Amino acid sequence: MITDLNLRSLLVVKNQYAIDSGLLFKVDIAENFNMTMTLDLYRTIGILLDNAIEGAINSIERKVILSILSDNDYHIVSITSTINQNVALSNMNKNGFSTKPGHSGIGLTFVEQYMARMPTISMHATLMNQNFTQTLTIGELHNDLSARRRHYTTKAY
C-alpha cells in the first residue's frame, strides 16, 4: 500500500495516462517504503514516467514498470520502459535533449539541474534489448557508490 498521498496521486495520474495510451503500467513498491519526498523529487519521477510512457507508445511490448525499493539508508526508484528506437545515452544529460520532434527537452534539463543540487541522489541509465531503464539511487547507498560512479552514468548493451 502506498501511504504517501502525493505519490499515490502521481501514480494514479500516470497509470491513467498509460492506460489511455494503450500500455501496460506496472508498479512494484517495497512494503517498507517510508521516505520523505520533496516536490522536486515528485516532479522528477513524474518527468521520468512521462518520458517512459511516451517512449513505450511506439514499442512492440508497450509497457512501463516502476519499482521502488527501500532500506533504512537508501531508496532505489527504477523506471523501465520498452522502446522502439535507439537512444544515444550520452546525449541524455545535454541541455535541451529530446527524442520527440518539436519538444524542448525541458523535462530532462530540470532533472539534470535537480540532480546537480542533490548530493545524495544519482541517476543511472541502461539500454538493453529495447528496454530502457532509468534508476534513481537516493541516500546512503548513493554515497557508497559515488566514489565508483559519476553523477550520471550511462550504459548500453
N, C-alpha and C. Protein backbone atom coordinates (compact mmCIF):
# COMPACT_ATOMS: atom_id res chain seq x y z
N MET A 1 0.83 -1.18 0.00
CA MET A 1 0.00 0.00 0.00
C MET A 1 0.88 1.25 0.00
N ILE A 2 0.50 2.21 -0.78
CA ILE A 2 1.22 3.47 -0.87
C ILE A 2 0.58 4.45 0.11
N THR A 3 1.31 4.82 1.16
CA THR A 3 0.74 5.71 2.17
C THR A 3 0.96 7.18 1.84
N ASP A 4 1.94 7.49 1.03
CA ASP A 4 2.22 8.86 0.63
C ASP A 4 1.15 9.30 -0.38
N LEU A 5 0.26 10.19 0.04
CA LEU A 5 -0.87 10.59 -0.81
C LEU A 5 -0.43 11.29 -2.09
N ASN A 6 0.64 12.08 -2.02
CA ASN A 6 1.12 12.75 -3.22
C ASN A 6 1.68 11.75 -4.23
N LEU A 7 2.45 10.77 -3.74
CA LEU A 7 2.98 9.74 -4.63
C LEU A 7 1.83 8.91 -5.20
N ARG A 8 0.87 8.58 -4.36
CA ARG A 8 -0.28 7.81 -4.83
C ARG A 8 -1.03 8.57 -5.94
N SER A 9 -1.23 9.87 -5.74
CA SER A 9 -1.90 10.69 -6.75
C SER A 9 -1.10 10.73 -8.05
N LEU A 10 0.21 10.90 -7.93
CA LEU A 10 1.08 10.92 -9.11
C LEU A 10 0.95 9.61 -9.88
N LEU A 11 0.97 8.50 -9.17
CA LEU A 11 0.91 7.20 -9.84
C LEU A 11 -0.46 6.91 -10.45
N VAL A 12 -1.52 7.40 -9.82
CA VAL A 12 -2.86 7.25 -10.40
C VAL A 12 -2.94 8.00 -11.73
N VAL A 13 -2.43 9.22 -11.75
CA VAL A 13 -2.45 10.02 -12.98
C VAL A 13 -1.61 9.35 -14.07
N LYS A 14 -0.41 8.88 -13.74
CA LYS A 14 0.46 8.25 -14.73
C LYS A 14 -0.10 6.91 -15.18
N ASN A 15 -0.74 6.19 -14.28
CA ASN A 15 -1.39 4.93 -14.66
C ASN A 15 -2.50 5.19 -15.67
N GLN A 16 -3.29 6.22 -15.44
CA GLN A 16 -4.37 6.54 -16.38
C GLN A 16 -3.81 6.98 -17.73
N TYR A 17 -2.73 7.76 -17.71
CA TYR A 17 -2.06 8.20 -18.94
C TYR A 17 -1.58 6.97 -19.72
N ALA A 18 -0.99 6.01 -19.03
CA ALA A 18 -0.51 4.79 -19.68
C ALA A 18 -1.67 3.98 -20.25
N ILE A 19 -2.73 3.82 -19.48
CA ILE A 19 -3.91 3.07 -19.96
C ILE A 19 -4.51 3.76 -21.17
N ASP A 20 -4.67 5.08 -21.10
CA ASP A 20 -5.22 5.82 -22.23
C ASP A 20 -4.34 5.69 -23.48
N SER A 21 -3.04 5.43 -23.26
CA SER A 21 -2.10 5.26 -24.37
C SER A 21 -1.99 3.81 -24.82
N GLY A 22 -2.77 2.92 -24.19
CA GLY A 22 -2.77 1.51 -24.57
C GLY A 22 -1.57 0.73 -24.06
N LEU A 23 -1.04 1.14 -22.91
CA LEU A 23 0.15 0.50 -22.35
C LEU A 23 -0.18 -0.32 -21.11
N LEU A 24 0.70 -1.27 -20.81
CA LEU A 24 0.69 -1.95 -19.52
C LEU A 24 1.54 -1.09 -18.58
N PHE A 25 1.00 -0.76 -17.42
CA PHE A 25 1.72 0.05 -16.43
C PHE A 25 1.73 -0.75 -15.14
N LYS A 26 2.92 -1.13 -14.70
CA LYS A 26 3.05 -1.96 -13.50
C LYS A 26 3.86 -1.21 -12.45
N VAL A 27 3.43 -1.31 -11.20
CA VAL A 27 4.11 -0.65 -10.09
C VAL A 27 4.46 -1.70 -9.04
N ASP A 28 5.73 -1.76 -8.67
CA ASP A 28 6.21 -2.62 -7.59
C ASP A 28 6.85 -1.73 -6.55
N ILE A 29 6.26 -1.67 -5.36
CA ILE A 29 6.80 -0.83 -4.29
C ILE A 29 7.04 -1.69 -3.06
N ALA A 30 8.21 -1.53 -2.46
CA ALA A 30 8.56 -2.28 -1.26
C ALA A 30 7.58 -1.97 -0.14
N GLU A 31 7.29 -2.98 0.64
CA GLU A 31 6.34 -2.80 1.74
C GLU A 31 6.82 -1.76 2.74
N ASN A 32 8.13 -1.68 2.94
CA ASN A 32 8.65 -0.76 3.96
C ASN A 32 9.04 0.59 3.37
N PHE A 33 8.39 0.99 2.28
CA PHE A 33 8.70 2.28 1.67
C PHE A 33 8.20 3.40 2.58
N ASN A 34 9.14 4.14 3.12
CA ASN A 34 8.80 5.25 4.01
C ASN A 34 9.86 6.32 3.80
N MET A 35 9.62 7.18 2.85
CA MET A 35 10.61 8.19 2.50
C MET A 35 9.92 9.54 2.41
N THR A 36 10.60 10.55 2.93
CA THR A 36 10.10 11.91 2.77
C THR A 36 10.51 12.40 1.39
N MET A 37 9.53 12.80 0.60
CA MET A 37 9.80 13.22 -0.76
C MET A 37 9.53 14.72 -0.89
N THR A 38 10.38 15.37 -1.65
CA THR A 38 10.22 16.79 -1.92
C THR A 38 9.38 16.97 -3.19
N LEU A 39 8.88 18.17 -3.37
CA LEU A 39 8.13 18.48 -4.58
C LEU A 39 8.98 18.24 -5.83
N ASP A 40 10.27 18.59 -5.77
CA ASP A 40 11.15 18.39 -6.92
C ASP A 40 11.38 16.90 -7.21
N LEU A 41 11.38 16.06 -6.17
CA LEU A 41 11.53 14.63 -6.41
C LEU A 41 10.26 14.05 -7.05
N TYR A 42 9.09 14.49 -6.59
CA TYR A 42 7.83 14.09 -7.26
C TYR A 42 7.86 14.50 -8.72
N ARG A 43 8.30 15.74 -8.97
CA ARG A 43 8.35 16.25 -10.34
C ARG A 43 9.34 15.43 -11.19
N THR A 44 10.49 15.10 -10.61
CA THR A 44 11.48 14.29 -11.32
C THR A 44 10.90 12.93 -11.69
N ILE A 45 10.27 12.27 -10.75
CA ILE A 45 9.67 10.96 -11.03
C ILE A 45 8.57 11.11 -12.08
N GLY A 46 7.78 12.17 -11.99
CA GLY A 46 6.73 12.41 -12.98
C GLY A 46 7.31 12.60 -14.38
N ILE A 47 8.38 13.37 -14.50
CA ILE A 47 9.02 13.59 -15.80
C ILE A 47 9.55 12.28 -16.36
N LEU A 48 10.22 11.50 -15.52
CA LEU A 48 10.77 10.22 -15.98
C LEU A 48 9.66 9.26 -16.39
N LEU A 49 8.55 9.27 -15.65
CA LEU A 49 7.42 8.41 -16.03
C LEU A 49 6.78 8.87 -17.34
N ASP A 50 6.61 10.18 -17.50
CA ASP A 50 6.07 10.69 -18.77
C ASP A 50 6.94 10.27 -19.94
N ASN A 51 8.26 10.43 -19.79
CA ASN A 51 9.18 10.05 -20.86
C ASN A 51 9.11 8.55 -21.13
N ALA A 52 9.00 7.75 -20.08
CA ALA A 52 8.91 6.30 -20.25
C ALA A 52 7.63 5.92 -20.99
N ILE A 53 6.52 6.53 -20.61
CA ILE A 53 5.23 6.25 -21.26
C ILE A 53 5.29 6.66 -22.72
N GLU A 54 5.78 7.85 -22.99
CA GLU A 54 5.86 8.33 -24.37
C GLU A 54 6.81 7.47 -25.21
N GLY A 55 7.88 6.96 -24.58
CA GLY A 55 8.80 6.09 -25.30
C GLY A 55 8.22 4.72 -25.59
N ALA A 56 7.33 4.25 -24.70
CA ALA A 56 6.76 2.91 -24.86
C ALA A 56 5.61 2.87 -25.86
N ILE A 57 5.03 4.01 -26.17
CA ILE A 57 3.85 4.04 -27.04
C ILE A 57 4.12 3.38 -28.39
N ASN A 58 5.28 3.62 -28.98
CA ASN A 58 5.58 3.06 -30.29
C ASN A 58 6.35 1.75 -30.24
N SER A 59 6.52 1.19 -29.06
CA SER A 59 7.27 -0.06 -28.94
C SER A 59 6.36 -1.26 -29.19
N ILE A 60 6.98 -2.39 -29.37
CA ILE A 60 6.21 -3.62 -29.63
C ILE A 60 5.53 -4.11 -28.35
N GLU A 61 6.25 -4.18 -27.24
CA GLU A 61 5.67 -4.71 -25.99
C GLU A 61 4.80 -3.71 -25.24
N ARG A 62 5.02 -2.41 -25.43
CA ARG A 62 4.19 -1.35 -24.88
C ARG A 62 3.98 -1.48 -23.36
N LYS A 63 5.08 -1.41 -22.62
CA LYS A 63 4.95 -1.50 -21.16
C LYS A 63 5.91 -0.58 -20.44
N VAL A 64 5.50 -0.20 -19.23
CA VAL A 64 6.30 0.62 -18.31
C VAL A 64 6.21 -0.03 -16.94
N ILE A 65 7.36 -0.18 -16.30
CA ILE A 65 7.41 -0.78 -14.97
C ILE A 65 8.14 0.18 -14.03
N LEU A 66 7.49 0.53 -12.94
CA LEU A 66 8.09 1.36 -11.90
C LEU A 66 8.34 0.48 -10.69
N SER A 67 9.57 0.47 -10.19
CA SER A 67 9.92 -0.28 -8.98
C SER A 67 10.55 0.68 -7.98
N ILE A 68 10.11 0.57 -6.73
CA ILE A 68 10.71 1.36 -5.66
C ILE A 68 11.12 0.40 -4.55
N LEU A 69 12.42 0.37 -4.29
CA LEU A 69 12.97 -0.48 -3.23
C LEU A 69 13.51 0.42 -2.14
N SER A 70 13.39 -0.03 -0.90
CA SER A 70 13.84 0.80 0.22
C SER A 70 14.55 -0.02 1.26
N ASP A 71 15.46 0.63 1.93
CA ASP A 71 16.10 0.13 3.13
C ASP A 71 16.16 1.33 4.07
N ASN A 72 16.70 1.17 5.22
CA ASN A 72 16.74 2.29 6.16
C ASN A 72 17.54 3.47 5.63
N ASP A 73 18.62 3.18 4.89
CA ASP A 73 19.55 4.22 4.50
C ASP A 73 19.48 4.64 3.04
N TYR A 74 18.70 3.96 2.23
CA TYR A 74 18.65 4.30 0.82
C TYR A 74 17.32 3.88 0.19
N HIS A 75 17.06 4.45 -0.98
CA HIS A 75 15.87 4.13 -1.77
C HIS A 75 16.31 4.06 -3.22
N ILE A 76 15.73 3.13 -3.96
CA ILE A 76 16.02 3.00 -5.38
C ILE A 76 14.70 3.08 -6.13
N VAL A 77 14.62 4.04 -7.05
CA VAL A 77 13.45 4.23 -7.91
C VAL A 77 13.90 3.87 -9.32
N SER A 78 13.30 2.82 -9.87
CA SER A 78 13.70 2.34 -11.19
C SER A 78 12.49 2.35 -12.12
N ILE A 79 12.68 2.95 -13.30
CA ILE A 79 11.60 3.04 -14.29
C ILE A 79 12.11 2.39 -15.57
N THR A 80 11.45 1.32 -15.99
CA THR A 80 11.82 0.60 -17.20
C THR A 80 10.68 0.71 -18.20
N SER A 81 11.03 1.03 -19.44
CA SER A 81 10.02 1.06 -20.50
C SER A 81 10.59 0.38 -21.73
N THR A 82 9.68 -0.21 -22.49
CA THR A 82 10.09 -0.76 -23.77
C THR A 82 10.14 0.40 -24.75
N ILE A 83 11.11 0.36 -25.66
CA ILE A 83 11.24 1.43 -26.64
C ILE A 83 11.43 0.82 -28.02
N ASN A 84 11.21 1.63 -29.03
CA ASN A 84 11.32 1.16 -30.41
C ASN A 84 12.38 1.95 -31.17
N GLN A 85 13.28 2.59 -30.45
CA GLN A 85 14.33 3.38 -31.10
C GLN A 85 15.60 3.29 -30.29
N ASN A 86 16.70 3.54 -30.93
CA ASN A 86 17.97 3.60 -30.21
C ASN A 86 18.13 5.00 -29.66
N VAL A 87 18.50 5.07 -28.41
CA VAL A 87 18.71 6.35 -27.75
C VAL A 87 20.20 6.48 -27.47
N ALA A 88 20.78 7.57 -27.86
CA ALA A 88 22.18 7.84 -27.54
C ALA A 88 22.24 8.29 -26.08
N LEU A 89 22.57 7.36 -25.21
CA LEU A 89 22.54 7.66 -23.79
C LEU A 89 23.47 8.80 -23.41
N SER A 90 24.53 8.97 -24.14
CA SER A 90 25.47 10.05 -23.83
C SER A 90 24.86 11.43 -24.07
N ASN A 91 23.78 11.51 -24.87
CA ASN A 91 23.12 12.79 -25.14
C ASN A 91 22.10 13.17 -24.08
N MET A 92 21.72 12.24 -23.23
CA MET A 92 20.60 12.47 -22.32
C MET A 92 20.84 13.59 -21.32
N ASN A 93 22.09 13.81 -20.94
CA ASN A 93 22.33 14.87 -19.96
C ASN A 93 22.71 16.19 -20.60
N LYS A 94 22.51 16.30 -21.91
CA LYS A 94 22.77 17.56 -22.60
C LYS A 94 21.54 18.46 -22.50
N ASN A 95 21.78 19.73 -22.28
CA ASN A 95 20.70 20.71 -22.14
C ASN A 95 19.79 20.70 -23.37
N GLY A 96 18.48 20.53 -23.16
CA GLY A 96 17.50 20.58 -24.24
C GLY A 96 17.35 19.29 -25.02
N PHE A 97 17.97 18.18 -24.57
CA PHE A 97 17.87 16.91 -25.29
C PHE A 97 16.43 16.39 -25.27
N SER A 98 15.96 15.90 -26.42
CA SER A 98 14.65 15.26 -26.52
C SER A 98 14.68 14.31 -27.71
N THR A 99 14.00 13.18 -27.57
CA THR A 99 13.86 12.26 -28.71
C THR A 99 12.58 12.53 -29.47
N LYS A 100 11.76 13.47 -28.95
CA LYS A 100 10.46 13.77 -29.56
C LYS A 100 10.55 15.02 -30.43
N PRO A 101 10.16 14.90 -31.68
CA PRO A 101 10.19 16.07 -32.56
C PRO A 101 9.33 17.21 -32.00
N GLY A 102 9.88 18.42 -32.04
CA GLY A 102 9.12 19.58 -31.60
C GLY A 102 9.09 19.79 -30.11
N HIS A 103 9.78 18.94 -29.33
CA HIS A 103 9.79 19.11 -27.87
C HIS A 103 11.05 19.85 -27.45
N SER A 104 10.95 20.56 -26.35
CA SER A 104 12.05 21.42 -25.90
C SER A 104 13.10 20.68 -25.08
N GLY A 105 12.77 19.51 -24.54
CA GLY A 105 13.71 18.80 -23.69
C GLY A 105 13.84 19.42 -22.31
N ILE A 106 12.89 20.27 -21.93
CA ILE A 106 12.97 20.97 -20.66
C ILE A 106 12.82 20.01 -19.46
N GLY A 107 12.12 18.90 -19.65
CA GLY A 107 11.94 17.94 -18.56
C GLY A 107 13.25 17.34 -18.09
N LEU A 108 14.03 16.81 -19.03
CA LEU A 108 15.32 16.24 -18.66
C LEU A 108 16.30 17.30 -18.17
N THR A 109 16.18 18.52 -18.68
CA THR A 109 17.02 19.61 -18.19
C THR A 109 16.70 19.89 -16.72
N PHE A 110 15.40 19.90 -16.37
CA PHE A 110 15.01 20.07 -14.97
C PHE A 110 15.61 18.96 -14.12
N VAL A 111 15.50 17.71 -14.60
CA VAL A 111 16.03 16.57 -13.84
C VAL A 111 17.53 16.75 -13.62
N GLU A 112 18.27 17.13 -14.64
CA GLU A 112 19.71 17.34 -14.52
C GLU A 112 20.02 18.43 -13.50
N GLN A 113 19.28 19.54 -13.55
CA GLN A 113 19.52 20.63 -12.61
C GLN A 113 19.18 20.20 -11.19
N TYR A 114 18.11 19.44 -11.03
CA TYR A 114 17.73 18.94 -9.71
C TYR A 114 18.82 18.01 -9.17
N MET A 115 19.29 17.10 -10.02
CA MET A 115 20.31 16.14 -9.60
C MET A 115 21.61 16.86 -9.19
N ALA A 116 21.93 17.94 -9.89
CA ALA A 116 23.15 18.69 -9.59
C ALA A 116 23.09 19.33 -8.20
N ARG A 117 21.87 19.63 -7.73
CA ARG A 117 21.68 20.25 -6.41
C ARG A 117 21.60 19.22 -5.29
N MET A 118 21.45 17.95 -5.64
CA MET A 118 21.20 16.93 -4.64
C MET A 118 22.38 15.96 -4.53
N PRO A 119 23.26 16.16 -3.57
CA PRO A 119 24.45 15.31 -3.48
C PRO A 119 24.15 13.86 -3.07
N THR A 120 22.96 13.60 -2.56
CA THR A 120 22.64 12.24 -2.13
C THR A 120 21.83 11.47 -3.16
N ILE A 121 21.71 11.99 -4.39
CA ILE A 121 20.95 11.31 -5.42
C ILE A 121 21.80 11.15 -6.67
N SER A 122 21.75 9.96 -7.25
CA SER A 122 22.42 9.74 -8.54
C SER A 122 21.42 9.07 -9.48
N MET A 123 21.71 9.16 -10.77
CA MET A 123 20.85 8.52 -11.77
C MET A 123 21.73 7.72 -12.71
N HIS A 124 21.24 6.55 -13.05
CA HIS A 124 21.96 5.62 -13.92
C HIS A 124 20.98 5.16 -15.00
N ALA A 125 21.39 5.19 -16.24
CA ALA A 125 20.52 4.77 -17.34
C ALA A 125 21.16 3.59 -18.07
N THR A 126 20.32 2.62 -18.45
CA THR A 126 20.78 1.49 -19.24
C THR A 126 19.79 1.23 -20.37
N LEU A 127 20.32 0.69 -21.44
CA LEU A 127 19.50 0.29 -22.58
C LEU A 127 19.93 -1.11 -22.96
N MET A 128 19.00 -2.05 -22.88
CA MET A 128 19.31 -3.44 -23.20
C MET A 128 18.09 -4.11 -23.80
N ASN A 129 18.24 -4.66 -24.99
CA ASN A 129 17.16 -5.40 -25.65
C ASN A 129 15.86 -4.61 -25.72
N GLN A 130 15.96 -3.36 -26.18
CA GLN A 130 14.80 -2.48 -26.34
C GLN A 130 14.09 -2.17 -25.02
N ASN A 131 14.78 -2.35 -23.90
CA ASN A 131 14.28 -1.96 -22.58
C ASN A 131 15.18 -0.85 -22.06
N PHE A 132 14.58 0.30 -21.82
CA PHE A 132 15.30 1.46 -21.33
C PHE A 132 14.98 1.64 -19.86
N THR A 133 16.01 1.68 -19.02
CA THR A 133 15.81 1.80 -17.58
C THR A 133 16.56 3.01 -17.05
N GLN A 134 15.86 3.82 -16.24
CA GLN A 134 16.48 4.91 -15.51
C GLN A 134 16.30 4.61 -14.04
N THR A 135 17.41 4.65 -13.30
CA THR A 135 17.39 4.31 -11.89
C THR A 135 17.92 5.46 -11.07
N LEU A 136 17.09 5.93 -10.14
CA LEU A 136 17.50 6.94 -9.16
C LEU A 136 17.92 6.21 -7.89
N THR A 137 19.09 6.54 -7.37
CA THR A 137 19.55 6.00 -6.10
C THR A 137 19.64 7.17 -5.14
N ILE A 138 18.92 7.03 -4.02
CA ILE A 138 18.77 8.14 -3.08
C ILE A 138 19.26 7.69 -1.71
N GLY A 139 20.17 8.43 -1.11
CA GLY A 139 20.60 8.17 0.25
C GLY A 139 21.97 7.55 0.37
N GLU A 140 22.16 6.76 1.44
CA GLU A 140 23.47 6.23 1.80
C GLU A 140 24.06 5.30 0.75
N LEU A 141 23.24 4.51 0.07
CA LEU A 141 23.79 3.63 -0.97
C LEU A 141 24.43 4.48 -2.06
N HIS A 142 23.79 5.61 -2.39
CA HIS A 142 24.39 6.52 -3.37
C HIS A 142 25.78 6.96 -2.90
N ASN A 143 25.90 7.31 -1.64
CA ASN A 143 27.18 7.78 -1.13
C ASN A 143 28.24 6.69 -1.22
N ASP A 144 27.86 5.44 -0.99
CA ASP A 144 28.79 4.32 -1.12
C ASP A 144 29.21 4.11 -2.56
N LEU A 145 28.31 4.31 -3.51
CA LEU A 145 28.60 4.08 -4.91
C LEU A 145 29.24 5.27 -5.59
N SER A 146 29.10 6.46 -5.02
CA SER A 146 29.53 7.67 -5.71
C SER A 146 31.03 7.69 -5.98
N ALA A 147 31.80 7.05 -5.17
CA ALA A 147 33.24 7.03 -5.42
C ALA A 147 33.57 6.20 -6.67
N ARG A 148 32.68 5.28 -7.04
CA ARG A 148 32.93 4.42 -8.19
C ARG A 148 32.15 4.82 -9.43
N ARG A 149 31.24 5.79 -9.32
CA ARG A 149 30.36 6.12 -10.44
C ARG A 149 30.16 7.62 -10.53
N ARG A 150 30.15 8.14 -11.74
CA ARG A 150 29.87 9.55 -11.95
C ARG A 150 28.44 9.85 -11.52
N HIS A 151 28.14 11.14 -11.41
CA HIS A 151 26.79 11.59 -11.05
C HIS A 151 25.73 10.98 -11.96
N TYR A 152 25.98 10.96 -13.24
CA TYR A 152 25.02 10.41 -14.19
C TYR A 152 25.79 9.50 -15.12
N THR A 153 25.57 8.21 -15.01
CA THR A 153 26.30 7.28 -15.86
C THR A 153 25.35 6.63 -16.83
N THR A 154 25.90 6.19 -17.94
CA THR A 154 25.10 5.53 -18.94
C THR A 154 25.77 4.24 -19.38
N LYS A 155 24.96 3.30 -19.80
CA LYS A 155 25.49 2.04 -20.27
C LYS A 155 24.53 1.48 -21.30
N ALA A 156 25.03 1.09 -22.43
CA ALA A 156 24.21 0.50 -23.47
C ALA A 156 24.74 -0.89 -23.78
N TYR A 157 23.86 -1.83 -24.03
CA TYR A 157 24.24 -3.19 -24.39
C TYR A 157 23.84 -3.49 -25.81
